[in-house]
Amino acid sequence: MIEVYIDGASAGDPGQSGAGVFIKGNGVVEQYSFSLGIMSNHEAEFHALIKGLEICIEKGFKIVSFRTDSQLVDRAMEKEYVKHKNFIPLLDRSLQLSKVFDLFFIKWVPSNQNNVADKLARQGIRQK
């Protein structure tokens, strides 16, 4: 199984944002950092999920387990619902991508278990 740690970060809310994706499992260890432009921290968290899903699809992974320190993203994916209208298209895209996998899991983890993805997201802020 592939484990994917994701994080979004913003310098301000909204502010310059970045996404980090850390993938490990089955002999794979990969790190990605993305600049996202100006957006809220929650939007950056969803974009990190989308980037992670897109990478895993590109790589042909079939069973993936995502880890996020965003309770909003975890709950939204679990319930397939989000209240805030700005997040609806991001959730819809995430759900659409997650259905490509044979098995998709997402789990909330405390921030201290998501350090690598956090570091990568912060690097994305600086990439501009």
C-alpha atoms as a PDB file:
ATOM      1  CA  MET A   1       0.000   0.000   0.000  1.00  0.00           C
ATOM      2  CA  ILE A   2       1.154   3.515  -0.788  1.00  0.00           C
ATOM      3  CA  GLU A   3       1.000   6.093   2.013  1.00  0.00           C
ATOM      4  CA  VAL A   4       0.558   9.700   0.942  1.00  0.00           C
ATOM      5  CA  TYR A   5       1.050  12.555   3.397  1.00  0.00           C
ATOM      6  CA  ILE A   6      -0.390  15.880   2.246  1.00  0.00           C
ATOM      7  CA  ASP A   7      -0.399  19.402   3.588  1.00  0.00           C
ATOM      8  CA  GLY A   8      -1.342  22.880   2.473  1.00  0.00           C
ATOM      9  CA  ALA A   9       0.034  26.097   3.915  1.00  0.00           C
ATOM     10  CA  SER A  10      -0.628  29.806   3.496  1.00  0.00           C
ATOM     11  CA  ALA A  11       1.385  32.864   4.471  1.00  0.00           C
ATOM     12  CA  GLY A  12      -1.706  34.790   5.523  1.00  0.00           C
ATOM     13  CA  ASP A  13      -5.297  33.665   5.196  1.00  0.00           C
ATOM     14  CA  PRO A  14      -5.685  34.259   2.337  1.00  0.00           C
ATOM     15  CA  GLY A  15      -2.093  34.571   1.276  1.00  0.00           C
ATOM     16  CA  GLN A  16       0.643  33.060  -0.858  1.00  0.00           C
ATOM     17  CA  SER A  17       0.103  29.311  -0.575  1.00  0.00           C
ATOM     18  CA  GLY A  18       1.856  26.026  -1.168  1.00  0.00           C
ATOM     19  CA  ALA A  19       1.130  22.312  -1.162  1.00  0.00           C
ATOM     20  CA  GLY A  20       3.314  19.426  -0.067  1.00  0.00           C
ATOM     21  CA  VAL A  21       2.981  15.752  -0.992  1.00  0.00           C
ATOM     22  CA  PHE A  22       5.133  13.009   0.543  1.00  0.00           C
ATOM     23  CA  ILE A  23       4.693   9.499  -0.878  1.00  0.00           C
ATOM     24  CA  LYS A  24       6.145   6.317   0.578  1.00  0.00           C
ATOM     25  CA  GLY A  25       5.569   2.594   0.290  1.00  0.00           C
ATOM     26  CA  ASN A  26       6.469  -0.364  -1.928  1.00  0.00           C
ATOM     27  CA  GLY A  27      10.030   0.952  -2.259  1.00  0.00           C
ATOM     28  CA  VAL A  28       8.795   4.391  -3.340  1.00  0.00           C
ATOM     29  CA  VAL A  29       9.821   7.593  -1.561  1.00  0.00           C
ATOM     30  CA  GLU A  30       8.947  10.823  -3.363  1.00  0.00           C
ATOM     31  CA  GLN A  31       8.530  14.434  -2.304  1.00  0.00           C
ATOM     32  CA  TYR A  32       6.692  17.204  -4.133  1.00  0.00           C
ATOM     33  CA  SER A  33       6.315  20.896  -3.430  1.00  0.00           C
ATOM     34  CA  PHE A  34       3.906  23.177  -5.314  1.00  0.00           C
ATOM     35  CA  SER A  35       3.279  26.904  -5.391  1.00  0.00           C
ATOM     36  CA  LEU A  36      -0.466  27.556  -5.447  1.00  0.00           C
ATOM     37  CA  GLY A  37      -0.768  31.340  -5.588  1.00  0.00           C
ATOM     38  CA  ILE A  38      -3.051  33.352  -3.319  1.00  0.00           C
ATOM     39  CA  MET A  39      -5.731  31.374  -1.451  1.00  0.00           C
ATOM     40  CA  SER A  40      -6.930  30.408   2.010  1.00  0.00           C
ATOM     41  CA  ASN A  41      -5.240  27.735   4.075  1.00  0.00           C
ATOM     42  CA  HIS A  42      -8.265  25.424   3.706  1.00  0.00           C
ATOM     43  CA  GLU A  43      -8.200  25.803  -0.069  1.00  0.00           C
ATOM     44  CA  ALA A  44      -4.478  24.955  -0.023  1.00  0.00           C
ATOM     45  CA  GLU A  45      -5.257  21.796   1.965  1.00  0.00           C
ATOM     46  CA  PHE A  46      -7.739  20.668  -0.705  1.00  0.00           C
ATOM     47  CA  HIS A  47      -5.266  21.493  -3.481  1.00  0.00           C
ATOM     48  CA  ALA A  48      -2.645  19.361  -1.721  1.00  0.00           C
ATOM     49  CA  LEU A  49      -5.104  16.457  -1.749  1.00  0.00           C
ATOM     50  CA  ILE A  50      -5.873  16.978  -5.438  1.00  0.00           C
ATOM     51  CA  LYS A  51      -2.159  17.160  -6.325  1.00  0.00           C
ATOM     52  CA  GLY A  52      -1.507  13.971  -4.341  1.00  0.00           C
ATOM     53  CA  LEU A  53      -4.375  12.150  -6.048  1.00  0.00           C
ATOM     54  CA  GLU A  54      -3.217  13.277  -9.500  1.00  0.00           C
ATOM     55  CA  ILE A  55       0.350  12.097  -8.839  1.00  0.00           C
ATOM     56  CA  CYS A  56      -0.851   8.700  -7.621  1.00  0.00           C
ATOM     57  CA  ILE A  57      -3.063   8.277 -10.696  1.00  0.00           C
ATOM     58  CA  GLU A  58      -0.142   9.241 -12.969  1.00  0.00           C
ATOM     59  CA  LYS A  59       2.064   6.663 -11.239  1.00  0.00           C
ATOM     60  CA  GLY A  60      -0.594   3.956 -11.630  1.00  0.00           C
ATOM     61  CA  PHE A  61      -0.999   3.270  -7.922  1.00  0.00           C
ATOM     62  CA  LYS A  62      -4.144   1.253  -7.180  1.00  0.00           C
ATOM     63  CA  ILE A  63      -4.289   1.203  -3.360  1.00  0.00           C
ATOM     64  CA  VAL A  64      -3.542   4.459  -1.557  1.00  0.00           C
ATOM     65  CA  SER A  65      -3.868   5.662   1.993  1.00  0.00           C
ATOM     66  CA  PHE A  66      -3.759   9.436   2.440  1.00  0.00           C
ATOM     67  CA  ARG A  67      -2.836  11.206   5.673  1.00  0.00           C
ATOM     68  CA  THR A  68      -3.785  14.816   6.376  1.00  0.00           C
ATOM     69  CA  ASP A  69      -3.637  17.072   9.408  1.00  0.00           C
ATOM     70  CA  SER A  70      -6.671  18.962   8.065  1.00  0.00           C
ATOM     71  CA  GLN A  71      -9.798  17.866   9.884  1.00  0.00           C
ATOM     72  CA  LEU A  72     -11.854  19.783   7.314  1.00  0.00           C
ATOM     73  CA  VAL A  73     -10.460  17.767   4.379  1.00  0.00           C
ATOM     74  CA  ASP A  74     -10.708  14.465   6.261  1.00  0.00           C
ATOM     75  CA  ARG A  75     -14.336  15.050   7.286  1.00  0.00           C
ATOM     76  CA  ALA A  76     -15.343  16.444   3.889  1.00  0.00           C
ATOM     77  CA  MET A  77     -14.001  13.365   2.101  1.00  0.00           C
ATOM     78  CA  GLU A  78     -15.548  10.996   4.619  1.00  0.00           C
ATOM     79  CA  LYS A  79     -18.986  12.638   4.508  1.00  0.00           C
ATOM     80  CA  GLU A  80     -18.726  13.699   0.848  1.00  0.00           C
ATOM     81  CA  TYR A  81     -20.004  17.079   1.951  1.00  0.00           C
ATOM     82  CA  VAL A  82     -18.651  20.520   2.697  1.00  0.00           C
ATOM     83  CA  LYS A  83     -20.629  23.545   3.828  1.00  0.00           C
ATOM     84  CA  HIS A  84     -18.522  26.423   2.471  1.00  0.00           C
ATOM     85  CA  LYS A  85     -19.381  27.130  -1.181  1.00  0.00           C
ATOM     86  CA  ASN A  86     -15.747  27.864  -2.141  1.00  0.00           C
ATOM     87  CA  PHE A  87     -14.754  24.318  -1.194  1.00  0.00           C
ATOM     88  CA  ILE A  88     -17.523  22.498  -3.114  1.00  0.00           C
ATOM     89  CA  PRO A  89     -15.678  22.322  -6.477  1.00  0.00           C
ATOM     90  CA  LEU A  90     -12.484  21.247  -4.681  1.00  0.00           C
ATOM     91  CA  LEU A  91     -14.318  18.479  -2.832  1.00  0.00           C
ATOM     92  CA  ASP A  92     -16.087  17.389  -6.030  1.00  0.00           C
ATOM     93  CA  ARG A  93     -12.745  17.134  -7.871  1.00  0.00           C
ATOM     94  CA  SER A  94     -11.173  15.244  -4.962  1.00  0.00           C
ATOM     95  CA  LEU A  95     -14.028  12.749  -4.821  1.00  0.00           C
ATOM     96  CA  GLN A  96     -13.933  12.250  -8.588  1.00  0.00           C
ATOM     97  CA  LEU A  97     -10.187  11.507  -8.503  1.00  0.00           C
ATOM     98  CA  SER A  98     -10.443   9.236  -5.451  1.00  0.00           C
ATOM     99  CA  LYS A  99     -12.887   6.951  -7.285  1.00  0.00           C
ATOM    100  CA  VAL A 100     -10.149   5.978  -9.788  1.00  0.00           C
ATOM    101  CA  PHE A 101      -8.384   3.804  -7.191  1.00  0.00           C
ATOM    102  CA  ASP A 102      -9.235   0.224  -6.304  1.00  0.00           C
ATOM    103  CA  LEU A 103      -8.957   1.288  -2.648  1.00  0.00           C
ATOM    104  CA  PHE A 104      -8.721   4.825  -1.318  1.00  0.00           C
ATOM    105  CA  PHE A 105      -8.394   5.740   2.345  1.00  0.00           C
ATOM    106  CA  ILE A 106      -7.959   9.073   4.046  1.00  0.00           C
ATOM    107  CA  LYS A 107      -7.120   9.531   7.693  1.00  0.00           C
ATOM    108  CA  TRP A 108      -6.559  12.530   9.940  1.00  0.00           C
ATOM    109  CA  VAL A 109      -3.195  12.609  11.715  1.00  0.00           C
ATOM    110  CA  PRO A 110      -1.812  15.133  14.214  1.00  0.00           C
ATOM    111  CA  SER A 111       0.472  17.818  12.766  1.00  0.00           C
ATOM    112  CA  ASN A 112       3.539  16.279  14.402  1.00  0.00           C
ATOM    113  CA  GLN A 113       3.034  13.159  12.237  1.00  0.00           C
ATOM    114  CA  ASN A 114       2.879  15.246   9.059  1.00  0.00           C
ATOM    115  CA  ASN A 115       6.183  17.115   9.316  1.00  0.00           C
ATOM    116  CA  VAL A 116       7.591  16.222   5.898  1.00  0.00           C
ATOM    117  CA  ALA A 117       4.462  17.298   3.994  1.00  0.00           C
ATOM    118  CA  ASP A 118       4.317  20.483   6.087  1.00  0.00           C
ATOM    119  CA  LYS A 119       7.927  21.323   5.213  1.00  0.00           C
ATOM    120  CA  LEU A 120       7.198  20.702   1.519  1.00  0.00           C
ATOM    121  CA  ALA A 121       4.078  22.921   1.627  1.00  0.00           C
ATOM    122  CA  ARG A 122       6.099  25.743   3.186  1.00  0.00           C
ATOM    123  CA  GLN A 123       8.699  25.362   0.442  1.00  0.00           C
ATOM    124  CA  GLY A 124       5.849  25.773  -2.061  1.00  0.00           C
ATOM    125  CA  ILE A 125       4.972  29.146  -0.532  1.00  0.00           C
ATOM    126  CA  ARG A 126       8.512  30.336  -1.185  1.00  0.00           C
ATOM    127  CA  GLN A 127       8.562  29.075  -4.816  1.00  0.00           C
ATOM    128  CA  LYS A 128       6.095  31.737  -6.043  1.00  0.00           C
END
